[in-house]
PDB file of N, CA and C in Angstrom:
ATOM      1  N   UNK A   1      -5.678   0.001 -10.793  1.00  0.00           N
ATOM      2  CA  UNK A   1      -4.539   0.741 -10.290  1.00  0.00           C
ATOM      3  C   UNK A   1      -4.238   0.298  -8.853  1.00  0.00           C
ATOM      4  N   UNK A   2      -2.992   0.245  -8.527  1.00  0.00           N
ATOM      5  CA  UNK A   2      -2.600  -0.092  -7.167  1.00  0.00           C
ATOM      6  C   UNK A   2      -2.768   1.159  -6.315  1.00  0.00           C
ATOM      7  N   UNK A   3      -3.680   1.085  -5.382  1.00  0.00           N
ATOM      8  CA  UNK A   3      -3.841   2.159  -4.411  1.00  0.00           C
ATOM      9  C   UNK A   3      -3.228   1.674  -3.098  1.00  0.00           C
ATOM     10  N   UNK A   4      -2.915   2.610  -2.233  1.00  0.00           N
ATOM     11  CA  UNK A   4      -2.279   2.222  -0.977  1.00  0.00           C
ATOM     12  C   UNK A   4      -3.226   1.446  -0.066  1.00  0.00           C
ATOM     13  N   UNK A   5      -4.526   1.612  -0.253  1.00  0.00           N
ATOM     14  CA  UNK A   5      -5.482   0.809   0.516  1.00  0.00           C
ATOM     15  C   UNK A   5      -5.329  -0.672   0.142  1.00  0.00           C
ATOM     16  N   UNK A   6      -5.068  -0.943  -1.130  1.00  0.00           N
ATOM     17  CA  UNK A   6      -4.852  -2.317  -1.590  1.00  0.00           C
ATOM     18  C   UNK A   6      -3.484  -2.823  -1.155  1.00  0.00           C
ATOM     19  N   UNK A   7      -2.481  -1.995  -1.329  1.00  0.00           N
ATOM     20  CA  UNK A   7      -1.116  -2.365  -0.964  1.00  0.00           C
ATOM     21  C   UNK A   7      -1.033  -2.796   0.492  1.00  0.00           C
ATOM     22  N   UNK A   8      -1.830  -2.166   1.354  1.00  0.00           N
ATOM     23  CA  UNK A   8      -1.798  -2.446   2.782  1.00  0.00           C
ATOM     24  C   UNK A   8      -2.307  -3.846   3.116  1.00  0.00           C
ATOM     25  N   UNK A   9      -2.865  -4.533   2.143  1.00  0.00           N
ATOM     26  CA  UNK A   9      -3.380  -5.892   2.352  1.00  0.00           C
ATOM     27  C   UNK A   9      -2.503  -6.972   1.715  1.00  0.00           C
ATOM     28  N   UNK A  10      -1.520  -6.569   0.925  1.00  0.00           N
ATOM     29  CA  UNK A  10      -0.732  -7.525   0.153  1.00  0.00           C
ATOM     30  C   UNK A  10       0.519  -8.006   0.894  1.00  0.00           C
ATOM     31  N   UNK A  11       0.775  -9.292   0.784  1.00  0.00           N
ATOM     32  CA  UNK A  11       1.987  -9.894   1.353  1.00  0.00           C
ATOM     33  C   UNK A  11       2.550 -10.875   0.336  1.00  0.00           C
ATOM     34  N   UNK A  12       3.794 -11.222   0.501  1.00  0.00           N
ATOM     35  CA  UNK A  12       4.449 -12.193  -0.366  1.00  0.00           C
ATOM     36  C   UNK A  12       3.989 -13.608   0.003  1.00  0.00           C
ATOM     37  N   UNK A  13       3.721 -14.419  -1.029  1.00  0.00           N
ATOM     38  CA  UNK A  13       3.292 -15.800  -0.787  1.00  0.00           C
ATOM     39  C   UNK A  13       4.185 -16.818  -1.495  1.00  0.00           C
ATOM     40  N   UNK A  14       5.428 -16.440  -1.710  1.00  0.00           N
ATOM     41  CA  UNK A  14       6.378 -17.377  -2.311  1.00  0.00           C
ATOM     42  C   UNK A  14       6.613 -18.529  -1.331  1.00  0.00           C
ATOM     43  N   UNK A  15       6.761 -19.723  -1.868  1.00  0.00           N
ATOM     44  CA  UNK A  15       7.005 -20.914  -1.061  1.00  0.00           C
ATOM     45  C   UNK A  15       8.159 -20.670  -0.090  1.00  0.00           C
ATOM     46  N   UNK A  16       7.911 -20.891   1.184  1.00  0.00           N
ATOM     47  CA  UNK A  16       8.931 -20.740   2.219  1.00  0.00           C
ATOM     48  C   UNK A  16       9.100 -19.320   2.734  1.00  0.00           C
ATOM     49  N   UNK A  17       8.433 -18.377   2.134  1.00  0.00           N
ATOM     50  CA  UNK A  17       8.541 -16.979   2.578  1.00  0.00           C
ATOM     51  C   UNK A  17       7.397 -16.699   3.554  1.00  0.00           C
ATOM     52  N   UNK A  18       7.644 -16.991   4.815  1.00  0.00           N
ATOM     53  CA  UNK A  18       6.568 -16.904   5.802  1.00  0.00           C
ATOM     54  C   UNK A  18       6.803 -15.857   6.883  1.00  0.00           C
ATOM     55  N   UNK A  19       7.979 -15.265   6.924  1.00  0.00           N
ATOM     56  CA  UNK A  19       8.243 -14.227   7.911  1.00  0.00           C
ATOM     57  C   UNK A  19       8.759 -12.987   7.199  1.00  0.00           C
ATOM     58  N   UNK A  20       8.462 -11.845   7.762  1.00  0.00           N
ATOM     59  CA  UNK A  20       8.910 -10.563   7.223  1.00  0.00           C
ATOM     60  C   UNK A  20       8.510 -10.402   5.751  1.00  0.00           C
ATOM     61  N   UNK A  21       7.321 -10.926   5.395  1.00  0.00           N
ATOM     62  CA  UNK A  21       6.849 -10.853   4.010  1.00  0.00           C
ATOM     63  C   UNK A  21       5.789  -9.766   3.809  1.00  0.00           C
ATOM     64  N   UNK A  22       5.604  -8.927   4.814  1.00  0.00           N
ATOM     65  CA  UNK A  22       4.684  -7.790   4.766  1.00  0.00           C
ATOM     66  C   UNK A  22       5.330  -6.631   5.494  1.00  0.00           C
ATOM     67  N   UNK A  23       5.206  -5.445   4.977  1.00  0.00           N
ATOM     68  CA  UNK A  23       4.612  -5.064   3.702  1.00  0.00           C
ATOM     69  C   UNK A  23       5.605  -5.229   2.562  1.00  0.00           C
ATOM     70  N   UNK A  24       5.068  -5.256   1.362  1.00  0.00           N
ATOM     71  CA  UNK A  24       5.913  -5.232   0.183  1.00  0.00           C
ATOM     72  C   UNK A  24       6.444  -3.814   0.006  1.00  0.00           C
ATOM     73  N   UNK A  25       7.662  -3.701  -0.475  1.00  0.00           N
ATOM     74  CA  UNK A  25       8.328  -2.408  -0.616  1.00  0.00           C
ATOM     75  C   UNK A  25       8.174  -1.917  -2.059  1.00  0.00           C
ATOM     76  N   UNK A  26       7.709  -0.673  -2.210  1.00  0.00           N
ATOM     77  CA  UNK A  26       7.623  -0.091  -3.547  1.00  0.00           C
ATOM     78  C   UNK A  26       9.019   0.211  -4.068  1.00  0.00           C
ATOM     79  N   UNK A  27       9.208  -0.045  -5.369  1.00  0.00           N
ATOM     80  CA  UNK A  27      10.504   0.201  -6.000  1.00  0.00           C
ATOM     81  C   UNK A  27      10.269   0.797  -7.395  1.00  0.00           C
ATOM     82  N   UNK A  28      10.973   1.895  -7.692  1.00  0.00           N
ATOM     83  CA  UNK A  28      10.934   2.520  -9.018  1.00  0.00           C
ATOM     84  C   UNK A  28       9.506   2.755  -9.510  1.00  0.00           C
ATOM     85  N   UNK A  29       8.675   3.339  -8.656  1.00  0.00           N
ATOM     86  CA  UNK A  29       7.264   3.496  -9.006  1.00  0.00           C
ATOM     87  C   UNK A  29       6.985   4.828  -9.679  1.00  0.00           C
ATOM     88  N   UNK A  30       5.958   4.803 -10.503  1.00  0.00           N
ATOM     89  CA  UNK A  30       5.376   6.005 -11.074  1.00  0.00           C
ATOM     90  C   UNK A  30       3.988   6.146 -10.465  1.00  0.00           C
ATOM     91  N   UNK A  31       3.671   7.367 -10.058  1.00  0.00           N
ATOM     92  CA  UNK A  31       2.431   7.614  -9.337  1.00  0.00           C
ATOM     93  C   UNK A  31       1.563   8.591 -10.115  1.00  0.00           C
ATOM     94  N   UNK A  32       0.268   8.352 -10.050  1.00  0.00           N
ATOM     95  CA  UNK A  32      -0.715   9.232 -10.660  1.00  0.00           C
ATOM     96  C   UNK A  32      -1.733   9.595  -9.579  1.00  0.00           C
ATOM     97  N   UNK A  33      -2.091  10.855  -9.493  1.00  0.00           N
ATOM     98  CA  UNK A  33      -3.106  11.285  -8.536  1.00  0.00           C
ATOM     99  C   UNK A  33      -4.444  11.360  -9.257  1.00  0.00           C
ATOM    100  N   UNK A  34      -5.452  10.710  -8.660  1.00  0.00           N
ATOM    101  CA  UNK A  34      -6.802  10.728  -9.218  1.00  0.00           C
ATOM    102  C   UNK A  34      -7.764  11.095  -8.098  1.00  0.00           C
ATOM    103  N   UNK A  35      -8.452  12.195  -8.293  1.00  0.00           N
ATOM    104  CA  UNK A  35      -9.387  12.659  -7.277  1.00  0.00           C
ATOM    105  C   UNK A  35     -10.490  11.631  -7.068  1.00  0.00           C
ATOM    106  N   UNK A  36     -10.842  11.421  -5.810  1.00  0.00           N
ATOM    107  CA  UNK A  36     -11.908  10.484  -5.451  1.00  0.00           C
ATOM    108  C   UNK A  36     -12.834  11.171  -4.453  1.00  0.00           C
ATOM    109  N   UNK A  37     -14.104  10.819  -4.503  1.00  0.00           N
ATOM    110  CA  UNK A  37     -15.083  11.415  -3.599  1.00  0.00           C
ATOM    111  C   UNK A  37     -14.743  11.047  -2.155  1.00  0.00           C
ATOM    112  N   UNK A  38     -14.741  12.045  -1.299  1.00  0.00           N
ATOM    113  CA  UNK A  38     -14.409  11.851   0.113  1.00  0.00           C
ATOM    114  C   UNK A  38     -15.591  11.245   0.847  1.00  0.00           C
ATOM    115  N   UNK A  39     -15.350  10.099   1.493  1.00  0.00           N
ATOM    116  CA  UNK A  39     -16.370   9.418   2.289  1.00  0.00           C
ATOM    117  C   UNK A  39     -15.777   9.174   3.673  1.00  0.00           C
ATOM    118  N   UNK A  40     -15.990  10.112   4.620  1.00  0.00           N
ATOM    119  CA  UNK A  40     -15.357   9.980   5.937  1.00  0.00           C
ATOM    120  C   UNK A  40     -15.767   8.724   6.696  1.00  0.00           C
ATOM    121  N   UNK A  41     -16.996   8.256   6.507  1.00  0.00           N
ATOM    122  CA  UNK A  41     -17.433   7.032   7.200  1.00  0.00           C
ATOM    123  C   UNK A  41     -16.640   5.817   6.710  1.00  0.00           C
ATOM    124  N   UNK A  42     -16.401   5.744   5.410  1.00  0.00           N
ATOM    125  CA  UNK A  42     -15.609   4.641   4.863  1.00  0.00           C
ATOM    126  C   UNK A  42     -14.193   4.658   5.439  1.00  0.00           C
ATOM    127  N   UNK A  43     -13.585   5.843   5.473  1.00  0.00           N
ATOM    128  CA  UNK A  43     -12.222   5.970   5.995  1.00  0.00           C
ATOM    129  C   UNK A  43     -12.188   5.563   7.465  1.00  0.00           C
ATOM    130  N   UNK A  44     -13.147   6.020   8.258  1.00  0.00           N
ATOM    131  CA  UNK A  44     -13.203   5.636   9.683  1.00  0.00           C
ATOM    132  C   UNK A  44     -13.340   4.121   9.841  1.00  0.00           C
ATOM    133  N   UNK A  45     -14.166   3.501   9.012  1.00  0.00           N
ATOM    134  CA  UNK A  45     -14.379   2.050   9.100  1.00  0.00           C
ATOM    135  C   UNK A  45     -13.147   1.253   8.683  1.00  0.00           C
ATOM    136  N   UNK A  46     -12.322   1.827   7.839  1.00  0.00           N
ATOM    137  CA  UNK A  46     -11.099   1.141   7.382  1.00  0.00           C
ATOM    138  C   UNK A  46      -9.979   1.184   8.420  1.00  0.00           C
ATOM    139  N   UNK A  47     -10.042   2.125   9.340  1.00  0.00           N
ATOM    140  CA  UNK A  47      -8.940   2.325  10.287  1.00  0.00           C
ATOM    141  C   UNK A  47      -8.538   1.058  11.024  1.00  0.00           C
ATOM    142  N   UNK A  48      -9.494   0.281  11.480  1.00  0.00           N
ATOM    143  CA  UNK A  48      -9.168  -0.922  12.256  1.00  0.00           C
ATOM    144  C   UNK A  48      -8.531  -2.012  11.392  1.00  0.00           C
ATOM    145  N   UNK A  49      -8.676  -1.915  10.090  1.00  0.00           N
ATOM    146  CA  UNK A  49      -8.140  -2.930   9.178  1.00  0.00           C
ATOM    147  C   UNK A  49      -6.745  -2.585   8.657  1.00  0.00           C
ATOM    148  N   UNK A  50      -6.308  -1.368   8.912  1.00  0.00           N
ATOM    149  CA  UNK A  50      -5.032  -0.894   8.366  1.00  0.00           C
ATOM    150  C   UNK A  50      -3.862  -1.201   9.288  1.00  0.00           C
ATOM    151  N   UNK A  51      -2.753  -1.530   8.693  1.00  0.00           N
ATOM    152  CA  UNK A  51      -1.484  -1.616   9.414  1.00  0.00           C
ATOM    153  C   UNK A  51      -0.848  -0.237   9.250  1.00  0.00           C
ATOM    154  N   UNK A  52      -0.969   0.600  10.301  1.00  0.00           N
ATOM    155  CA  UNK A  52      -0.628   2.012  10.209  1.00  0.00           C
ATOM    156  C   UNK A  52       0.824   2.254   9.784  1.00  0.00           C
ATOM    157  N   UNK A  53       1.763   1.605  10.445  1.00  0.00           N
ATOM    158  CA  UNK A  53       3.170   1.869  10.133  1.00  0.00           C
ATOM    159  C   UNK A  53       3.489   1.458   8.693  1.00  0.00           C
ATOM    160  N   UNK A  54       2.900   0.382   8.208  1.00  0.00           N
ATOM    161  CA  UNK A  54       3.111  -0.031   6.813  1.00  0.00           C
ATOM    162  C   UNK A  54       2.537   1.010   5.862  1.00  0.00           C
ATOM    163  N   UNK A  55       1.383   1.575   6.209  1.00  0.00           N
ATOM    164  CA  UNK A  55       0.767   2.600   5.375  1.00  0.00           C
ATOM    165  C   UNK A  55       1.624   3.862   5.323  1.00  0.00           C
ATOM    166  N   UNK A  56       2.102   4.305   6.473  1.00  0.00           N
ATOM    167  CA  UNK A  56       2.939   5.504   6.531  1.00  0.00           C
ATOM    168  C   UNK A  56       4.207   5.310   5.711  1.00  0.00           C
ATOM    169  N   UNK A  57       4.834   4.144   5.851  1.00  0.00           N
ATOM    170  CA  UNK A  57       6.065   3.876   5.093  1.00  0.00           C
ATOM    171  C   UNK A  57       5.798   3.777   3.594  1.00  0.00           C
ATOM    172  N   UNK A  58       4.698   3.148   3.211  1.00  0.00           N
ATOM    173  CA  UNK A  58       4.354   3.057   1.785  1.00  0.00           C
ATOM    174  C   UNK A  58       4.085   4.448   1.216  1.00  0.00           C
ATOM    175  N   UNK A  59       3.389   5.272   1.984  1.00  0.00           N
ATOM    176  CA  UNK A  59       3.124   6.643   1.532  1.00  0.00           C
ATOM    177  C   UNK A  59       4.431   7.391   1.305  1.00  0.00           C
ATOM    178  N   UNK A  60       5.373   7.229   2.218  1.00  0.00           N
ATOM    179  CA  UNK A  60       6.684   7.883   2.061  1.00  0.00           C
ATOM    180  C   UNK A  60       7.400   7.372   0.818  1.00  0.00           C
ATOM    181  N   UNK A  61       7.279   6.066   0.538  1.00  0.00           N
ATOM    182  CA  UNK A  61       7.951   5.481  -0.625  1.00  0.00           C
ATOM    183  C   UNK A  61       7.423   6.060  -1.939  1.00  0.00           C
ATOM    184  N   UNK A  62       6.173   6.532  -1.932  1.00  0.00           N
ATOM    185  CA  UNK A  62       5.601   7.116  -3.150  1.00  0.00           C
ATOM    186  C   UNK A  62       5.575   8.646  -3.078  1.00  0.00           C
ATOM    187  N   UNK A  63       6.250   9.210  -2.068  1.00  0.00           N
ATOM    188  CA  UNK A  63       6.434  10.650  -2.013  1.00  0.00           C
ATOM    189  C   UNK A  63       5.467  11.444  -1.174  1.00  0.00           C
ATOM    190  N   UNK A  64       4.650  10.797  -0.350  1.00  0.00           N
ATOM    191  CA  UNK A  64       3.699  11.514   0.498  1.00  0.00           C
ATOM    192  C   UNK A  64       4.119  11.396   1.961  1.00  0.00           C
ATOM    193  N   UNK A  65       4.277  12.535   2.622  1.00  0.00           N
ATOM    194  CA  UNK A  65       4.701  12.545   4.029  1.00  0.00           C
ATOM    195  C   UNK A  65       3.651  13.191   4.932  1.00  0.00           C
ATOM    196  N   UNK A  66       2.395  13.149   4.525  1.00  0.00           N
ATOM    197  CA  UNK A  66       1.349  13.862   5.257  1.00  0.00           C
ATOM    198  C   UNK A  66       0.833  13.140   6.500  1.00  0.00           C
ATOM    199  N   UNK A  67       1.085  11.835   6.624  1.00  0.00           N
ATOM    200  CA  UNK A  67       0.548  11.084   7.761  1.00  0.00           C
ATOM    201  C   UNK A  67       1.529  11.086   8.931  1.00  0.00           C
ATOM    202  N   UNK A  68       0.997  11.166  10.161  1.00  0.00           N
ATOM    203  CA  UNK A  68       1.886  11.095  11.329  1.00  0.00           C
ATOM    204  C   UNK A  68       2.435   9.685  11.507  1.00  0.00           C
ATOM    205  N   UNK A  69       3.626   9.548  12.103  1.00  0.00           N
ATOM    206  CA  UNK A  69       4.239   8.224  12.254  1.00  0.00           C
ATOM    207  C   UNK A  69       3.416   7.268  13.121  1.00  0.00           C
ATOM    208  N   UNK A  70       2.730   7.792  14.118  1.00  0.00           N
ATOM    209  CA  UNK A  70       1.891   6.970  15.002  1.00  0.00           C
ATOM    210  C   UNK A  70       0.423   7.267  14.717  1.00  0.00           C
ATOM    211  N   UNK A  71      -0.403   6.237  14.751  1.00  0.00           N
ATOM    212  CA  UNK A  71      -1.829   6.434  14.510  1.00  0.00           C
ATOM    213  C   UNK A  71      -2.454   7.187  15.679  1.00  0.00           C
ATOM    214  N   UNK A  72      -3.065   8.334  15.423  1.00  0.00           N
ATOM    215  CA  UNK A  72      -3.694   9.100  16.503  1.00  0.00           C
ATOM    216  C   UNK A  72      -4.929   8.384  17.055  1.00  0.00           C
ATOM    217  N   UNK A  73      -5.222   8.647  18.308  1.00  0.00           N
ATOM    218  CA  UNK A  73      -6.427   8.069  18.919  1.00  0.00           C
ATOM    219  C   UNK A  73      -7.686   8.696  18.336  1.00  0.00           C
ATOM    220  N   UNK A  74      -7.614   9.985  18.042  1.00  0.00           N
ATOM    221  CA  UNK A  74      -8.753  10.721  17.503  1.00  0.00           C
ATOM    222  C   UNK A  74      -8.433  11.192  16.087  1.00  0.00           C
ATOM    223  N   UNK A  75      -9.382  11.073  15.192  1.00  0.00           N
ATOM    224  CA  UNK A  75      -9.212  11.503  13.800  1.00  0.00           C
ATOM    225  C   UNK A  75     -10.077  12.736  13.560  1.00  0.00           C
ATOM    226  N   UNK A  76      -9.426  13.883  13.383  1.00  0.00           N
ATOM    227  CA  UNK A  76     -10.179  15.079  13.028  1.00  0.00           C
ATOM    228  C   UNK A  76     -10.387  15.098  11.510  1.00  0.00           C
ATOM    229  N   UNK A  77     -11.181  16.064  11.024  1.00  0.00           N
ATOM    230  CA  UNK A  77     -11.504  16.123   9.603  1.00  0.00           C
ATOM    231  C   UNK A  77     -10.266  16.294   8.729  1.00  0.00           C
ATOM    232  N   UNK A  78      -9.306  17.081   9.200  1.00  0.00           N
ATOM    233  CA  UNK A  78      -8.091  17.308   8.414  1.00  0.00           C
ATOM    234  C   UNK A  78      -7.300  16.009   8.227  1.00  0.00           C
ATOM    235  N   UNK A  79      -7.172  15.238   9.294  1.00  0.00           N
ATOM    236  CA  UNK A  79      -6.447  13.971   9.193  1.00  0.00           C
ATOM    237  C   UNK A  79      -7.218  12.951   8.360  1.00  0.00           C
ATOM    238  N   UNK A  80      -8.552  12.952   8.474  1.00  0.00           N
ATOM    239  CA  UNK A  80      -9.352  12.054   7.639  1.00  0.00           C
ATOM    240  C   UNK A  80      -9.169  12.387   6.157  1.00  0.00           C
ATOM    241  N   UNK A  81      -9.070  13.676   5.832  1.00  0.00           N
ATOM    242  CA  UNK A  81      -8.841  14.086   4.443  1.00  0.00           C
ATOM    243  C   UNK A  81      -7.471  13.612   3.958  1.00  0.00           C
ATOM    244  N   UNK A  82      -6.461  13.749   4.813  1.00  0.00           N
ATOM    245  CA  UNK A  82      -5.115  13.289   4.445  1.00  0.00           C
ATOM    246  C   UNK A  82      -5.102  11.781   4.237  1.00  0.00           C
ATOM    247  N   UNK A  83      -5.766  11.070   5.130  1.00  0.00           N
ATOM    248  CA  UNK A  83      -5.829   9.615   5.025  1.00  0.00           C
ATOM    249  C   UNK A  83      -6.576   9.201   3.761  1.00  0.00           C
ATOM    250  N   UNK A  84      -7.675   9.888   3.475  1.00  0.00           N
ATOM    251  CA  UNK A  84      -8.425   9.640   2.235  1.00  0.00           C
ATOM    252  C   UNK A  84      -7.512   9.814   1.019  1.00  0.00           C
ATOM    253  N   UNK A  85      -6.753  10.900   1.015  1.00  0.00           N
ATOM    254  CA  UNK A  85      -5.848  11.163  -0.110  1.00  0.00           C
ATOM    255  C   UNK A  85      -4.847  10.018  -0.277  1.00  0.00           C
ATOM    256  N   UNK A  86      -4.224   9.605   0.820  1.00  0.00           N
ATOM    257  CA  UNK A  86      -3.212   8.547   0.752  1.00  0.00           C
ATOM    258  C   UNK A  86      -3.835   7.218   0.317  1.00  0.00           C
ATOM    259  N   UNK A  87      -4.976   6.867   0.874  1.00  0.00           N
ATOM    260  CA  UNK A  87      -5.597   5.569   0.596  1.00  0.00           C
ATOM    261  C   UNK A  87      -6.262   5.491  -0.775  1.00  0.00           C
ATOM    262  N   UNK A  88      -6.921   6.591  -1.174  1.00  0.00           N
ATOM    263  CA  UNK A  88      -7.828   6.511  -2.317  1.00  0.00           C
ATOM    264  C   UNK A  88      -7.379   7.282  -3.563  1.00  0.00           C
ATOM    265  N   UNK A  89      -6.504   8.263  -3.408  1.00  0.00           N
ATOM    266  CA  UNK A  89      -6.192   9.124  -4.547  1.00  0.00           C
ATOM    267  C   UNK A  89      -4.793   8.918  -5.129  1.00  0.00           C
ATOM    268  N   UNK A  90      -3.927   8.249  -4.402  1.00  0.00           N
ATOM    269  CA  UNK A  90      -2.598   7.944  -4.923  1.00  0.00           C
ATOM    270  C   UNK A  90      -2.666   6.579  -5.611  1.00  0.00           C
ATOM    271  N   UNK A  91      -2.365   6.588  -6.911  1.00  0.00           N
ATOM    272  CA  UNK A  91      -2.405   5.360  -7.710  1.00  0.00           C
ATOM    273  C   UNK A  91      -1.006   5.076  -8.245  1.00  0.00           C
ATOM    274  N   UNK A  92      -0.506   3.894  -7.973  1.00  0.00           N
ATOM    275  CA  UNK A  92       0.782   3.479  -8.523  1.00  0.00           C
ATOM    276  C   UNK A  92       0.499   2.863  -9.882  1.00  0.00           C
ATOM    277  N   UNK A  93       1.061   3.472 -10.926  1.00  0.00           N
ATOM    278  CA  UNK A  93       0.767   3.007 -12.281  1.00  0.00           C
ATOM    279  C   UNK A  93       1.805   2.029 -12.821  1.00  0.00           C
ATOM    280  N   UNK A  94       3.059   2.226 -12.446  1.00  0.00           N
ATOM    281  CA  UNK A  94       4.130   1.352 -12.927  1.00  0.00           C
ATOM    282  C   UNK A  94       5.219   1.254 -11.866  1.00  0.00           C
ATOM    283  N   UNK A  95       5.989   0.185 -11.938  1.00  0.00           N
ATOM    284  CA  UNK A  95       7.080  -0.039 -10.994  1.00  0.00           C
ATOM    285  C   UNK A  95       7.049  -1.466 -10.493  1.00  0.00           C
ATOM    286  N   UNK A  96       7.326  -1.622  -9.209  1.00  0.00           N
ATOM    287  CA  UNK A  96       7.352  -2.965  -8.634  1.00  0.00           C
ATOM    288  C   UNK A  96       7.121  -2.903  -7.134  1.00  0.00           C
ATOM    289  N   UNK A  97       6.691  -4.032  -6.598  1.00  0.00           N
ATOM    290  CA  UNK A  97       6.640  -4.248  -5.155  1.00  0.00           C
ATOM    291  C   UNK A  97       7.594  -5.395  -4.878  1.00  0.00           C
ATOM    292  N   UNK A  98       8.435  -5.253  -3.868  1.00  0.00           N
ATOM    293  CA  UNK A  98       9.475  -6.239  -3.586  1.00  0.00           C
ATOM    294  C   UNK A  98       9.293  -6.759  -2.164  1.00  0.00           C
ATOM    295  N   UNK A  99       9.394  -8.076  -2.016  1.00  0.00           N
ATOM    296  CA  UNK A  99       9.333  -8.687  -0.691  1.00  0.00           C
ATOM    297  C   UNK A  99      10.643  -8.392   0.045  1.00  0.00           C
ATOM    298  N   UNK A 100      10.531  -7.900   1.257  1.00  0.00           N
ATOM    299  CA  UNK A 100      11.730  -7.579   2.036  1.00  0.00           C
ATOM    300  C   UNK A 100      12.408  -8.817   2.601  1.00  0.00           C
ATOM    301  N   UNK A 101      11.755  -9.959   2.532  1.00  0.00           N
ATOM    302  CA  UNK A 101      12.349 -11.194   3.037  1.00  0.00           C
ATOM    303  C   UNK A 101      13.073 -11.967   1.923  1.00  0.00           C
ATOM    304  N   UNK A 102      12.347 -12.304   0.860  1.00  0.00           N
ATOM    305  CA  UNK A 102      12.931 -13.160  -0.183  1.00  0.00           C
ATOM    306  C   UNK A 102      13.325 -12.387  -1.439  1.00  0.00           C
ATOM    307  N   UNK A 103      13.040 -11.102  -1.473  1.00  0.00           N
ATOM    308  CA  UNK A 103      13.361 -10.218  -2.601  1.00  0.00           C
ATOM    309  C   UNK A 103      12.617 -10.546  -3.885  1.00  0.00           C
ATOM    310  N   UNK A 104      11.510 -11.305  -3.777  1.00  0.00           N
ATOM    311  CA  UNK A 104      10.698 -11.570  -4.961  1.00  0.00           C
ATOM    312  C   UNK A 104      10.119 -10.244  -5.449  1.00  0.00           C
ATOM    313  N   UNK A 105      10.132 -10.055  -6.760  1.00  0.00           N
ATOM    314  CA  UNK A 105       9.636  -8.820  -7.363  1.00  0.00           C
ATOM    315  C   UNK A 105       8.261  -9.067  -7.978  1.00  0.00           C
ATOM    316  N   UNK A 106       7.301  -8.231  -7.575  1.00  0.00           N
ATOM    317  CA  UNK A 106       5.961  -8.244  -8.146  1.00  0.00           C
ATOM    318  C   UNK A 106       5.834  -6.994  -9.020  1.00  0.00           C
ATOM    319  N   UNK A 107       5.909  -7.140 -10.345  1.00  0.00           N
ATOM    320  CA  UNK A 107       5.865  -5.969 -11.215  1.00  0.00           C
ATOM    321  C   UNK A 107       4.474  -5.330 -11.249  1.00  0.00           C
ATOM    322  N   UNK A 108       4.463  -4.026 -11.456  1.00  0.00           N
ATOM    323  CA  UNK A 108       3.222  -3.275 -11.643  1.00  0.00           C
ATOM    324  C   UNK A 108       3.299  -2.654 -13.028  1.00  0.00           C
ATOM    325  N   UNK A 109       2.337  -2.954 -13.863  1.00  0.00           N
ATOM    326  CA  UNK A 109       2.312  -2.420 -15.219  1.00  0.00           C
ATOM    327  C   UNK A 109       0.910  -1.901 -15.529  1.00  0.00           C
ATOM    328  N   UNK A 110       0.833  -0.676 -15.997  1.00  0.00           N
ATOM    329  CA  UNK A 110      -0.464  -0.052 -16.293  1.00  0.00           C
ATOM    330  C   UNK A 110      -1.407  -0.122 -15.098  1.00  0.00           C
ATOM    331  N   UNK A 111      -0.847   0.009 -13.899  1.00  0.00           N
ATOM    332  CA  UNK A 111      -1.649   0.028 -12.683  1.00  0.00           C
ATOM    333  C   UNK A 111      -2.062  -1.329 -12.157  1.00  0.00           C
ATOM    334  N   UNK A 112      -1.633  -2.393 -12.811  1.00  0.00           N
ATOM    335  CA  UNK A 112      -2.042  -3.744 -12.404  1.00  0.00           C
ATOM    336  C   UNK A 112      -0.842  -4.492 -11.837  1.00  0.00           C
ATOM    337  N   UNK A 113      -0.939  -4.923 -10.562  1.00  0.00           N
ATOM    338  CA  UNK A 113       0.163  -5.708  -9.996  1.00  0.00           C
ATOM    339  C   UNK A 113       0.071  -7.158 -10.454  1.00  0.00           C
ATOM    340  N   UNK A 114       1.208  -7.726 -10.823  1.00  0.00           N
ATOM    341  CA  UNK A 114       1.249  -9.138 -11.198  1.00  0.00           C
ATOM    342  C   UNK A 114       1.656  -9.932  -9.966  1.00  0.00           C
ATOM    343  N   UNK A 115       0.678 -10.510  -9.297  1.00  0.00           N
ATOM    344  CA  UNK A 115       0.920 -11.274  -8.074  1.00  0.00           C
ATOM    345  C   UNK A 115       1.011 -12.769  -8.344  1.00  0.00           C
ATOM    346  N   UNK A 116       0.999 -13.165  -9.633  1.00  0.00           N
ATOM    347  CA  UNK A 116       1.097 -14.585  -9.967  1.00  0.00           C
ATOM    348  C   UNK A 116       2.502 -15.096  -9.699  1.00  0.00           C
ATOM    349  N   UNK A 117       2.565 -16.325  -9.251  1.00  0.00           N
ATOM    350  CA  UNK A 117       3.856 -16.951  -8.958  1.00  0.00           C
ATOM    351  C   UNK A 117       4.108 -18.077  -9.953  1.00  0.00           C
ATOM    352  N   UNK A 118       5.372 -18.336 -10.239  1.00  0.00           N
ATOM    353  CA  UNK A 118       5.744 -19.477 -11.064  1.00  0.00           C
ATOM    354  C   UNK A 118       5.458 -20.757 -10.281  1.00  0.00           C
ATOM    355  N   UNK A 119       5.298 -21.852 -10.978  1.00  0.00           N
ATOM    356  CA  UNK A 119       4.942 -23.120 -10.333  1.00  0.00           C
ATOM    357  C   UNK A 119       5.921 -23.508  -9.226  1.00  0.00           C
ATOM    358  N   UNK A 120       7.215 -23.278  -9.442  1.00  0.00           N
ATOM    359  CA  UNK A 120       8.213 -23.669  -8.449  1.00  0.00           C
ATOM    360  C   UNK A 120       8.205 -22.728  -7.223  1.00  0.00           C
ATOM    361  N   UNK A 121       7.486 -21.603  -7.304  1.00  0.00           N
ATOM    362  CA  UNK A 121       7.406 -20.671  -6.170  1.00  0.00           C
ATOM    363  C   UNK A 121       6.177 -20.899  -5.297  1.00  0.00           C
ATOM    364  N   UNK A 122       5.296 -21.770  -5.738  1.00  0.00           N
ATOM    365  CA  UNK A 122       4.045 -22.002  -5.004  1.00  0.00           C
ATOM    366  C   UNK A 122       4.287 -23.030  -3.917  1.00  0.00           C
ATOM    367  N   UNK A 123       3.808 -22.704  -2.716  1.00  0.00           N
ATOM    368  CA  UNK A 123       4.041 -23.601  -1.586  1.00  0.00           C
ATOM    369  C   UNK A 123       2.850 -24.321  -1.110  1.00  0.00           C
TER     370      UNK A 123
END
């Protein structure tokens, strides 16, 4: 399943698409919530690896507005729980991710993103 923690690492790799290729934009998605065990240490360790504004925007695209627009300096337990929910419990099951630069569509089917490119798209 595509979780937002995974989405935050994905960029378009179509030949010649080298700028404005992150983040991919969710389009026509279906979302499923799946409870996951809360691990605050894991969430804290992920913070430095996340692109915060991309995460907040992706969360909004799938209907979650619980994260603040700017990454706080301090993470209290309530915010860690919200971040855990956004990163680990929201699963995109169907839809697409679209590159904002070249408009390439990466379909998502049964929770699996198809990131394969056609031969003429490989650079």
